[in-house]
Amino acid sequence: KKNESKASRWYETSASLGNDVAIGRLGLYFLDSKDYDEAFDCFQVSAKRGNLKSTYYLAKCYQNGYGCPVNEALAYKLFKIIAGEGDFESLYEVAICKLYGIGTTKNEREAYNYFVACKEQGIELAKEIDDLSLLILPCANGESKGLWENCARALYVMSDDRLEPYLPSLLEWLQDLNWPGALIIMDRLKVFS
């Protein structure tokens, strides 16, 4: 609690000096503390200054009625704006909104396209992961088997040098070719030098 309070004071100090990132972080602190009115105000100020992450959280406030009335149309509009800037989480939110018609007209084809864009960006983000074991047999880490294929796709694009320390685990994936992603891993290992 002491460090949390100290961090809050530093964010408040930085925010008072006009630092939009600090204002957004202060909003996250208030959101976590369930002080939704303060969180909403911080996100609104920071978003107006162009902070994309604060814009995302402002949209979540409108979506859930945190510190403001629920406004699904405005939430969708904000998600769509920052999805256009390549924000991964917003791409997913737009896909969900399109799939179920939340704040916009239902359009399953557009939802699919957003899910594909989200998946492709996720594969790009996965390239930055240092510990590739997080992507190998993800169900072993308590995750859904539905993730396996996307993890296999992310591993497929990794260089031989990055994959080499994980070869025993990748071979373990092949013990059952019915497992999601096993054929992708098999194809990748075929071209391993």
C-alpha atoms as a PDB file:
ATOM      1  CA  LYS A   1       0.000   0.000   0.000  1.00  0.00           C
ATOM      2  CA  LYS A   2       2.866   2.366   0.849  1.00  0.00           C
ATOM      3  CA  ASN A   3       4.497   2.002  -2.598  1.00  0.00           C
ATOM      4  CA  GLU A   4       1.099   2.290  -4.266  1.00  0.00           C
ATOM      5  CA  SER A   5       0.401   5.544  -2.440  1.00  0.00           C
ATOM      6  CA  LYS A   6       3.871   6.852  -3.294  1.00  0.00           C
ATOM      7  CA  ALA A   7       3.386   5.964  -6.973  1.00  0.00           C
ATOM      8  CA  SER A   8       0.004   7.681  -6.937  1.00  0.00           C
ATOM      9  CA  ARG A   9       1.587  10.874  -5.573  1.00  0.00           C
ATOM     10  CA  TRP A  10       4.260  10.824  -8.312  1.00  0.00           C
ATOM     11  CA  TYR A  11       1.614  10.334 -11.003  1.00  0.00           C
ATOM     12  CA  GLU A  12      -0.434  13.165  -9.513  1.00  0.00           C
ATOM     13  CA  THR A  13       2.638  15.424  -9.528  1.00  0.00           C
ATOM     14  CA  SER A  14       3.491  14.537 -13.139  1.00  0.00           C
ATOM     15  CA  ALA A  15      -0.137  14.879 -14.153  1.00  0.00           C
ATOM     16  CA  SER A  16      -0.344  18.336 -12.591  1.00  0.00           C
ATOM     17  CA  LEU A  17       2.607  19.301 -14.799  1.00  0.00           C
ATOM     18  CA  GLY A  18       0.610  18.223 -17.870  1.00  0.00           C
ATOM     19  CA  ASN A  19       2.230  14.865 -18.611  1.00  0.00           C
ATOM     20  CA  ASP A  20      -0.495  13.031 -20.573  1.00  0.00           C
ATOM     21  CA  VAL A  21       1.068   9.601 -19.948  1.00  0.00           C
ATOM     22  CA  ALA A  22       1.065  10.274 -16.192  1.00  0.00           C
ATOM     23  CA  ILE A  23      -2.538  11.470 -16.403  1.00  0.00           C
ATOM     24  CA  GLY A  24      -3.438   8.184 -18.106  1.00  0.00           C
ATOM     25  CA  ARG A  25      -1.535   6.140 -15.527  1.00  0.00           C
ATOM     26  CA  LEU A  26      -3.284   8.024 -12.765  1.00  0.00           C
ATOM     27  CA  GLY A  27      -6.544   7.076 -14.500  1.00  0.00           C
ATOM     28  CA  LEU A  28      -5.489   3.414 -14.342  1.00  0.00           C
ATOM     29  CA  TYR A  29      -4.756   3.822 -10.641  1.00  0.00           C
ATOM     30  CA  PHE A  30      -8.243   5.258 -10.072  1.00  0.00           C
ATOM     31  CA  LEU A  31      -9.816   2.554 -12.259  1.00  0.00           C
ATOM     32  CA  ASP A  32      -8.078  -0.146 -10.228  1.00  0.00           C
ATOM     33  CA  SER A  33      -9.265   1.599  -7.037  1.00  0.00           C
ATOM     34  CA  LYS A  34     -12.816   1.612  -8.453  1.00  0.00           C
ATOM     35  CA  ASP A  35     -12.912   5.413  -8.346  1.00  0.00           C
ATOM     36  CA  TYR A  36     -14.579   5.502 -11.755  1.00  0.00           C
ATOM     37  CA  ASP A  37     -15.389   9.226 -11.834  1.00  0.00           C
ATOM     38  CA  GLU A  38     -11.736  10.177 -11.311  1.00  0.00           C
ATOM     39  CA  ALA A  39     -10.574   7.494 -13.766  1.00  0.00           C
ATOM     40  CA  PHE A  40     -12.959   8.757 -16.433  1.00  0.00           C
ATOM     41  CA  ASP A  41     -11.796  12.363 -15.949  1.00  0.00           C
ATOM     42  CA  CYS A  42      -8.120  11.370 -16.242  1.00  0.00           C
ATOM     43  CA  PHE A  43      -8.684   9.264 -19.358  1.00  0.00           C
ATOM     44  CA  GLN A  44     -10.722  12.034 -20.959  1.00  0.00           C
ATOM     45  CA  VAL A  45      -7.987  14.654 -20.392  1.00  0.00           C
ATOM     46  CA  SER A  46      -5.184  12.350 -21.538  1.00  0.00           C
ATOM     47  CA  ALA A  47      -7.150  11.131 -24.587  1.00  0.00           C
ATOM     48  CA  LYS A  48      -7.853  14.725 -25.677  1.00  0.00           C
ATOM     49  CA  ARG A  49      -4.081  15.226 -25.663  1.00  0.00           C
ATOM     50  CA  GLY A  50      -3.662  12.297 -28.068  1.00  0.00           C
ATOM     51  CA  ASN A  51      -2.705   9.463 -25.729  1.00  0.00           C
ATOM     52  CA  LEU A  52      -3.915   6.287 -27.503  1.00  0.00           C
ATOM     53  CA  LYS A  53      -3.852   4.046 -24.430  1.00  0.00           C
ATOM     54  CA  SER A  54      -5.987   6.572 -22.534  1.00  0.00           C
ATOM     55  CA  THR A  55      -8.360   6.703 -25.501  1.00  0.00           C
ATOM     56  CA  TYR A  56      -8.701   2.924 -25.252  1.00  0.00           C
ATOM     57  CA  TYR A  57      -9.549   3.135 -21.539  1.00  0.00           C
ATOM     58  CA  LEU A  58     -11.919   6.039 -22.167  1.00  0.00           C
ATOM     59  CA  ALA A  59     -13.747   3.787 -24.633  1.00  0.00           C
ATOM     60  CA  LYS A  60     -13.855   1.044 -21.977  1.00  0.00           C
ATOM     61  CA  CYS A  61     -15.389   3.578 -19.570  1.00  0.00           C
ATOM     62  CA  TYR A  62     -18.121   4.408 -22.098  1.00  0.00           C
ATOM     63  CA  GLN A  63     -18.627   0.718 -22.825  1.00  0.00           C
ATOM     64  CA  ASN A  64     -19.087  -0.187 -19.150  1.00  0.00           C
ATOM     65  CA  GLY A  65     -20.494   3.019 -17.679  1.00  0.00           C
ATOM     66  CA  TYR A  66     -17.433   3.755 -15.548  1.00  0.00           C
ATOM     67  CA  GLY A  67     -17.750   7.388 -14.448  1.00  0.00           C
ATOM     68  CA  CYS A  68     -20.197   8.150 -17.256  1.00  0.00           C
ATOM     69  CA  PRO A  69     -23.434   6.815 -18.750  1.00  0.00           C
ATOM     70  CA  VAL A  70     -23.022   3.743 -20.954  1.00  0.00           C
ATOM     71  CA  ASN A  71     -22.557   4.860 -24.565  1.00  0.00           C
ATOM     72  CA  GLU A  72     -21.735   1.854 -26.727  1.00  0.00           C
ATOM     73  CA  ALA A  73     -21.793   3.886 -29.965  1.00  0.00           C
ATOM     74  CA  LEU A  74     -19.162   6.298 -28.657  1.00  0.00           C
ATOM     75  CA  ALA A  75     -17.106   3.402 -27.256  1.00  0.00           C
ATOM     76  CA  TYR A  76     -17.176   1.726 -30.687  1.00  0.00           C
ATOM     77  CA  LYS A  77     -16.211   4.999 -32.394  1.00  0.00           C
ATOM     78  CA  LEU A  78     -13.206   5.454 -30.086  1.00  0.00           C
ATOM     79  CA  PHE A  79     -12.128   1.814 -30.463  1.00  0.00           C
ATOM     80  CA  LYS A  80     -12.321   2.159 -34.251  1.00  0.00           C
ATOM     81  CA  ILE A  81     -10.223   5.352 -34.263  1.00  0.00           C
ATOM     82  CA  ILE A  82      -7.381   3.811 -32.285  1.00  0.00           C
ATOM     83  CA  ALA A  83      -7.680   0.472 -34.075  1.00  0.00           C
ATOM     84  CA  GLY A  84      -6.827   2.503 -37.179  1.00  0.00           C
ATOM     85  CA  GLU A  85      -3.614   3.471 -35.392  1.00  0.00           C
ATOM     86  CA  GLY A  86      -2.790  -0.225 -34.973  1.00  0.00           C
ATOM     87  CA  ASP A  87      -3.751  -0.658 -31.314  1.00  0.00           C
ATOM     88  CA  PHE A  88      -3.996  -4.422 -30.808  1.00  0.00           C
ATOM     89  CA  GLU A  89      -6.598  -4.368 -28.034  1.00  0.00           C
ATOM     90  CA  SER A  90      -8.797  -1.978 -29.986  1.00  0.00           C
ATOM     91  CA  LEU A  91      -8.723  -4.198 -33.071  1.00  0.00           C
ATOM     92  CA  TYR A  92     -10.137  -6.961 -30.909  1.00  0.00           C
ATOM     93  CA  GLU A  93     -12.772  -4.673 -29.377  1.00  0.00           C
ATOM     94  CA  VAL A  94     -13.912  -3.508 -32.837  1.00  0.00           C
ATOM     95  CA  ALA A  95     -14.152  -7.148 -33.947  1.00  0.00           C
ATOM     96  CA  ILE A  96     -16.346  -7.993 -30.929  1.00  0.00           C
ATOM     97  CA  CYS A  97     -18.528  -4.912 -31.504  1.00  0.00           C
ATOM     98  CA  LYS A  98     -19.010  -5.847 -35.166  1.00  0.00           C
ATOM     99  CA  LEU A  99     -19.659  -9.503 -34.368  1.00  0.00           C
ATOM    100  CA  TYR A 100     -22.427  -8.752 -31.855  1.00  0.00           C
ATOM    101  CA  GLY A 101     -23.613  -5.354 -33.103  1.00  0.00           C
ATOM    102  CA  ILE A 102     -22.507  -3.483 -29.977  1.00  0.00           C
ATOM    103  CA  GLY A 103     -22.581   0.249 -30.672  1.00  0.00           C
ATOM    104  CA  THR A 104     -22.631  -0.391 -34.418  1.00  0.00           C
ATOM    105  CA  THR A 105     -24.431  -2.510 -36.960  1.00  0.00           C
ATOM    106  CA  LYS A 106     -23.769  -6.232 -36.748  1.00  0.00           C
ATOM    107  CA  ASN A 107     -21.499  -7.363 -39.575  1.00  0.00           C
ATOM    108  CA  GLU A 108     -19.898 -10.776 -39.219  1.00  0.00           C
ATOM    109  CA  ARG A 109     -17.744 -10.367 -42.348  1.00  0.00           C
ATOM    110  CA  GLU A 110     -16.192  -7.143 -41.033  1.00  0.00           C
ATOM    111  CA  ALA A 111     -15.788  -8.770 -37.607  1.00  0.00           C
ATOM    112  CA  TYR A 112     -13.891 -11.623 -39.275  1.00  0.00           C
ATOM    113  CA  ASN A 113     -11.585  -9.147 -41.046  1.00  0.00           C
ATOM    114  CA  TYR A 114     -10.829  -7.408 -37.747  1.00  0.00           C
ATOM    115  CA  PHE A 115     -10.145 -10.757 -36.060  1.00  0.00           C
ATOM    116  CA  VAL A 116      -7.724 -11.630 -38.888  1.00  0.00           C
ATOM    117  CA  ALA A 117      -5.962  -8.265 -38.497  1.00  0.00           C
ATOM    118  CA  CYS A 118      -5.813  -8.857 -34.758  1.00  0.00           C
ATOM    119  CA  LYS A 119      -4.308 -12.314 -35.256  1.00  0.00           C
ATOM    120  CA  GLU A 120      -1.695 -10.995 -37.706  1.00  0.00           C
ATOM    121  CA  GLN A 121      -0.702  -8.226 -35.320  1.00  0.00           C
ATOM    122  CA  GLY A 122      -0.552 -10.751 -32.488  1.00  0.00           C
ATOM    123  CA  ILE A 123       1.909 -12.835 -34.499  1.00  0.00           C
ATOM    124  CA  GLU A 124       4.022  -9.716 -35.038  1.00  0.00           C
ATOM    125  CA  LEU A 125       3.906  -8.941 -31.312  1.00  0.00           C
ATOM    126  CA  ALA A 126       4.861 -12.542 -30.511  1.00  0.00           C
ATOM    127  CA  LYS A 127       8.148 -12.009 -32.372  1.00  0.00           C
ATOM    128  CA  GLU A 128       9.168  -9.684 -29.539  1.00  0.00           C
ATOM    129  CA  ILE A 129       8.726 -12.343 -26.829  1.00  0.00           C
ATOM    130  CA  ASP A 130      12.047 -13.332 -25.278  1.00  0.00           C
ATOM    131  CA  ASP A 131      10.907 -16.615 -23.714  1.00  0.00           C
ATOM    132  CA  LEU A 132       9.430 -18.655 -26.557  1.00  0.00           C
ATOM    133  CA  SER A 133       8.399 -21.403 -24.140  1.00  0.00           C
ATOM    134  CA  LEU A 134       5.312 -19.246 -23.487  1.00  0.00           C
ATOM    135  CA  LEU A 135       4.171 -20.111 -27.025  1.00  0.00           C
ATOM    136  CA  ILE A 136       4.953 -23.833 -26.910  1.00  0.00           C
ATOM    137  CA  LEU A 137       2.084 -26.150 -25.954  1.00  0.00           C
ATOM    138  CA  PRO A 138       0.196 -23.271 -24.314  1.00  0.00           C
ATOM    139  CA  CYS A 139      -2.396 -25.603 -22.761  1.00  0.00           C
ATOM    140  CA  ALA A 140       0.346 -26.798 -20.433  1.00  0.00           C
ATOM    141  CA  ASN A 141       0.307 -23.263 -19.011  1.00  0.00           C
ATOM    142  CA  GLY A 142      -3.431 -23.441 -18.290  1.00  0.00           C
ATOM    143  CA  GLU A 143      -4.470 -21.818 -21.564  1.00  0.00           C
ATOM    144  CA  SER A 144      -7.140 -22.967 -24.013  1.00  0.00           C
ATOM    145  CA  LYS A 145      -6.182 -25.298 -26.853  1.00  0.00           C
ATOM    146  CA  GLY A 146      -7.761 -22.717 -29.157  1.00  0.00           C
ATOM    147  CA  LEU A 147      -4.543 -20.719 -28.783  1.00  0.00           C
ATOM    148  CA  TRP A 148      -2.280 -23.519 -29.993  1.00  0.00           C
ATOM    149  CA  GLU A 149      -2.649 -22.860 -33.689  1.00  0.00           C
ATOM    150  CA  ASN A 150      -1.918 -19.147 -33.394  1.00  0.00           C
ATOM    151  CA  CYS A 151       1.088 -19.884 -31.185  1.00  0.00           C
ATOM    152  CA  ALA A 152       2.312 -22.362 -33.794  1.00  0.00           C
ATOM    153  CA  ARG A 153       1.931 -19.680 -36.488  1.00  0.00           C
ATOM    154  CA  ALA A 154       3.960 -17.257 -34.387  1.00  0.00           C
ATOM    155  CA  LEU A 155       6.685 -19.877 -33.897  1.00  0.00           C
ATOM    156  CA  TYR A 156       6.683 -20.681 -37.608  1.00  0.00           C
ATOM    157  CA  VAL A 157       8.059 -17.227 -38.463  1.00  0.00           C
ATOM    158  CA  MET A 158      10.870 -17.381 -35.877  1.00  0.00           C
ATOM    159  CA  SER A 159      14.463 -17.843 -37.037  1.00  0.00           C
ATOM    160  CA  ASP A 160      16.312 -21.139 -36.570  1.00  0.00           C
ATOM    161  CA  ASP A 161      18.597 -19.488 -34.006  1.00  0.00           C
ATOM    162  CA  ARG A 162      15.621 -18.444 -31.862  1.00  0.00           C
ATOM    163  CA  LEU A 163      13.978 -21.863 -32.110  1.00  0.00           C
ATOM    164  CA  GLU A 164      17.048 -24.040 -31.509  1.00  0.00           C
ATOM    165  CA  PRO A 165      16.942 -23.961 -27.674  1.00  0.00           C
ATOM    166  CA  TYR A 166      13.302 -25.069 -27.830  1.00  0.00           C
ATOM    167  CA  LEU A 167      13.662 -28.002 -30.257  1.00  0.00           C
ATOM    168  CA  PRO A 168      12.888 -30.723 -27.653  1.00  0.00           C
ATOM    169  CA  SER A 169       9.653 -28.944 -26.715  1.00  0.00           C
ATOM    170  CA  LEU A 170       8.730 -28.417 -30.362  1.00  0.00           C
ATOM    171  CA  LEU A 171       9.283 -32.120 -31.032  1.00  0.00           C
ATOM    172  CA  GLU A 172       7.041 -32.922 -28.080  1.00  0.00           C
ATOM    173  CA  TRP A 173       4.287 -30.991 -29.878  1.00  0.00           C
ATOM    174  CA  LEU A 174       4.493 -33.580 -32.669  1.00  0.00           C
ATOM    175  CA  GLN A 175       3.678 -36.560 -30.461  1.00  0.00           C
ATOM    176  CA  ASP A 176       0.056 -36.166 -31.519  1.00  0.00           C
ATOM    177  CA  LEU A 177      -0.541 -34.685 -34.972  1.00  0.00           C
ATOM    178  CA  ASN A 178      -4.182 -34.090 -34.046  1.00  0.00           C
ATOM    179  CA  TRP A 179      -3.117 -31.388 -31.598  1.00  0.00           C
ATOM    180  CA  PRO A 180      -3.887 -27.905 -32.934  1.00  0.00           C
ATOM    181  CA  GLY A 181      -0.814 -26.398 -34.563  1.00  0.00           C
ATOM    182  CA  ALA A 182       1.099 -29.693 -34.793  1.00  0.00           C
ATOM    183  CA  LEU A 183       1.105 -29.687 -38.604  1.00  0.00           C
ATOM    184  CA  ILE A 184       2.337 -26.081 -38.647  1.00  0.00           C
ATOM    185  CA  ILE A 185       5.187 -27.001 -36.280  1.00  0.00           C
ATOM    186  CA  MET A 186       5.971 -30.062 -38.411  1.00  0.00           C
ATOM    187  CA  ASP A 187       6.173 -27.905 -41.548  1.00  0.00           C
ATOM    188  CA  ARG A 188       8.464 -25.447 -39.749  1.00  0.00           C
ATOM    189  CA  LEU A 189      10.784 -28.193 -38.523  1.00  0.00           C
ATOM    190  CA  LYS A 190      11.044 -29.592 -42.045  1.00  0.00           C
ATOM    191  CA  VAL A 191      12.831 -26.413 -43.140  1.00  0.00           C
ATOM    192  CA  PHE A 192      14.952 -26.099 -39.975  1.00  0.00           C
ATOM    193  CA  SER A 193      18.635 -26.013 -40.901  1.00  0.00           C
END
